[in-house]
Amino acid sequence: MPKSEVQVDRKNIRLPRNLIEEADRVVQKNKLYINRQQFIESAIREKIENISSHSGNPTRIGLNSSFWTFSSLQRMIYWLE
């Protein structure tokens, strides 16, 4: 993602290598995203919005990380292919 003037606090996460490789293939194939980071950030935002819209709760920052699963990112990648 292009750098912006706004500094954002970030955290590292660990994802399985095969999931990252699959995300890289989608990014290279579709050109919808500039890079892997942008793709994963977008997928997480969409997941948060989806959960929030189903539960009726507004989107919030600092969600419990347990909402994210390996299979949900796989479904997002499959949907984009």
C-alpha atoms as a PDB file:
ATOM      1  CA  MET A   1       0.000   0.000   0.000  1.00  0.00           C
ATOM      2  CA  PRO A   2       1.298   3.464  -0.724  1.00  0.00           C
ATOM      3  CA  LYS A   3       2.611   5.215   2.373  1.00  0.00           C
ATOM      4  CA  SER A   4       0.492   7.979   3.814  1.00  0.00           C
ATOM      5  CA  GLU A   5       1.288  10.901   6.062  1.00  0.00           C
ATOM      6  CA  VAL A   6      -0.828   9.349   8.833  1.00  0.00           C
ATOM      7  CA  GLN A   7       0.997   6.991  11.161  1.00  0.00           C
ATOM      8  CA  VAL A   8      -1.063   4.008  12.311  1.00  0.00           C
ATOM      9  CA  ASP A   9      -0.127   1.728  15.171  1.00  0.00           C
ATOM     10  CA  ARG A  10       0.250  -1.824  13.824  1.00  0.00           C
ATOM     11  CA  LYS A  11       0.524  -5.344  15.212  1.00  0.00           C
ATOM     12  CA  ASN A  12       2.127  -8.419  13.705  1.00  0.00           C
ATOM     13  CA  ILE A  13       0.057 -11.521  13.065  1.00  0.00           C
ATOM     14  CA  ARG A  14       0.981 -15.048  12.050  1.00  0.00           C
ATOM     15  CA  LEU A  15      -0.806 -16.767   9.184  1.00  0.00           C
ATOM     16  CA  PRO A  16      -0.134 -20.164   7.628  1.00  0.00           C
ATOM     17  CA  ARG A  17       2.329 -20.007   4.731  1.00  0.00           C
ATOM     18  CA  ASN A  18      -0.055 -21.688   2.275  1.00  0.00           C
ATOM     19  CA  LEU A  19      -2.724 -19.073   3.010  1.00  0.00           C
ATOM     20  CA  ILE A  20      -0.272 -16.234   2.372  1.00  0.00           C
ATOM     21  CA  GLU A  21       0.883 -17.877  -0.879  1.00  0.00           C
ATOM     22  CA  GLU A  22      -2.734 -18.206  -1.978  1.00  0.00           C
ATOM     23  CA  ALA A  23      -3.356 -14.530  -1.153  1.00  0.00           C
ATOM     24  CA  ASP A  24      -0.251 -13.596  -3.190  1.00  0.00           C
ATOM     25  CA  ARG A  25      -1.578 -15.544  -6.186  1.00  0.00           C
ATOM     26  CA  VAL A  26      -4.900 -13.708  -5.994  1.00  0.00           C
ATOM     27  CA  VAL A  27      -3.174 -10.313  -5.752  1.00  0.00           C
ATOM     28  CA  GLN A  28      -0.917 -11.063  -8.740  1.00  0.00           C
ATOM     29  CA  LYS A  29      -3.706 -12.563 -10.840  1.00  0.00           C
ATOM     30  CA  ASN A  30      -6.483 -10.016 -10.301  1.00  0.00           C
ATOM     31  CA  LYS A  31      -4.596  -6.744  -9.834  1.00  0.00           C
ATOM     32  CA  LEU A  32      -7.452  -5.523  -7.617  1.00  0.00           C
ATOM     33  CA  TYR A  33      -4.991  -4.821  -4.836  1.00  0.00           C
ATOM     34  CA  ILE A  34      -1.575  -3.212  -4.896  1.00  0.00           C
ATOM     35  CA  ASN A  35      -0.039  -5.779  -2.558  1.00  0.00           C
ATOM     36  CA  ARG A  36      -0.675  -8.533  -0.001  1.00  0.00           C
ATOM     37  CA  GLN A  37      -0.971  -6.088   2.905  1.00  0.00           C
ATOM     38  CA  GLN A  38      -3.755  -4.148   1.179  1.00  0.00           C
ATOM     39  CA  PHE A  39      -5.572  -7.387   0.301  1.00  0.00           C
ATOM     40  CA  ILE A  40      -5.486  -8.725   3.863  1.00  0.00           C
ATOM     41  CA  GLU A  41      -6.489  -5.370   5.388  1.00  0.00           C
ATOM     42  CA  SER A  42      -9.441  -5.208   2.984  1.00  0.00           C
ATOM     43  CA  ALA A  43     -10.478  -8.790   3.768  1.00  0.00           C
ATOM     44  CA  ILE A  44     -10.419  -8.090   7.502  1.00  0.00           C
ATOM     45  CA  ARG A  45     -12.404  -4.865   7.105  1.00  0.00           C
ATOM     46  CA  GLU A  46     -15.037  -6.682   5.029  1.00  0.00           C
ATOM     47  CA  LYS A  47     -15.259  -9.436   7.632  1.00  0.00           C
ATOM     48  CA  ILE A  48     -15.719  -6.894  10.431  1.00  0.00           C
ATOM     49  CA  GLU A  49     -18.419  -5.069   8.466  1.00  0.00           C
ATOM     50  CA  ASN A  50     -20.166  -8.358   7.688  1.00  0.00           C
ATOM     51  CA  ILE A  51     -20.179  -9.443  11.326  1.00  0.00           C
ATOM     52  CA  SER A  52     -21.278  -5.982  12.489  1.00  0.00           C
ATOM     53  CA  SER A  53     -24.143  -5.776  10.010  1.00  0.00           C
ATOM     54  CA  HIS A  54     -25.449  -9.224  11.004  1.00  0.00           C
ATOM     55  CA  SER A  55     -25.270  -8.527  14.724  1.00  0.00           C
ATOM     56  CA  GLY A  56     -26.642  -5.002  14.477  1.00  0.00           C
ATOM     57  CA  ASN A  57     -23.603  -3.608  16.278  1.00  0.00           C
ATOM     58  CA  PRO A  58     -21.652  -0.716  14.811  1.00  0.00           C
ATOM     59  CA  THR A  59     -18.148  -1.471  13.565  1.00  0.00           C
ATOM     60  CA  ARG A  60     -15.562  -0.944  16.288  1.00  0.00           C
ATOM     61  CA  ILE A  61     -11.794  -0.975  16.492  1.00  0.00           C
ATOM     62  CA  GLY A  62     -10.015  -3.491  18.706  1.00  0.00           C
ATOM     63  CA  LEU A  63     -12.134  -6.569  18.078  1.00  0.00           C
ATOM     64  CA  ASN A  64     -11.166  -9.778  19.821  1.00  0.00           C
ATOM     65  CA  SER A  65      -8.842 -11.582  17.389  1.00  0.00           C
ATOM     66  CA  SER A  66     -10.739 -14.857  17.839  1.00  0.00           C
ATOM     67  CA  PHE A  67     -13.301 -13.762  15.215  1.00  0.00           C
ATOM     68  CA  TRP A  68     -10.779 -14.386  12.418  1.00  0.00           C
ATOM     69  CA  THR A  69     -10.347 -17.959  11.213  1.00  0.00           C
ATOM     70  CA  PHE A  70      -8.241 -19.662   8.603  1.00  0.00           C
ATOM     71  CA  SER A  71     -11.345 -20.792   6.703  1.00  0.00           C
ATOM     72  CA  SER A  72     -12.864 -17.291   6.557  1.00  0.00           C
ATOM     73  CA  LEU A  73      -9.779 -15.909   4.779  1.00  0.00           C
ATOM     74  CA  GLN A  74      -9.803 -18.947   2.476  1.00  0.00           C
ATOM     75  CA  ARG A  75     -13.442 -18.199   1.571  1.00  0.00           C
ATOM     76  CA  MET A  76     -12.521 -14.574   0.857  1.00  0.00           C
ATOM     77  CA  ILE A  77      -9.700 -15.682  -1.454  1.00  0.00           C
ATOM     78  CA  TYR A  78     -11.971 -18.190  -3.203  1.00  0.00           C
ATOM     79  CA  TRP A  79     -14.619 -15.513  -3.717  1.00  0.00           C
ATOM     80  CA  LEU A  80     -12.073 -13.170  -5.351  1.00  0.00           C
ATOM     81  CA  GLU A  81     -10.748 -15.793  -7.778  1.00  0.00           C
END
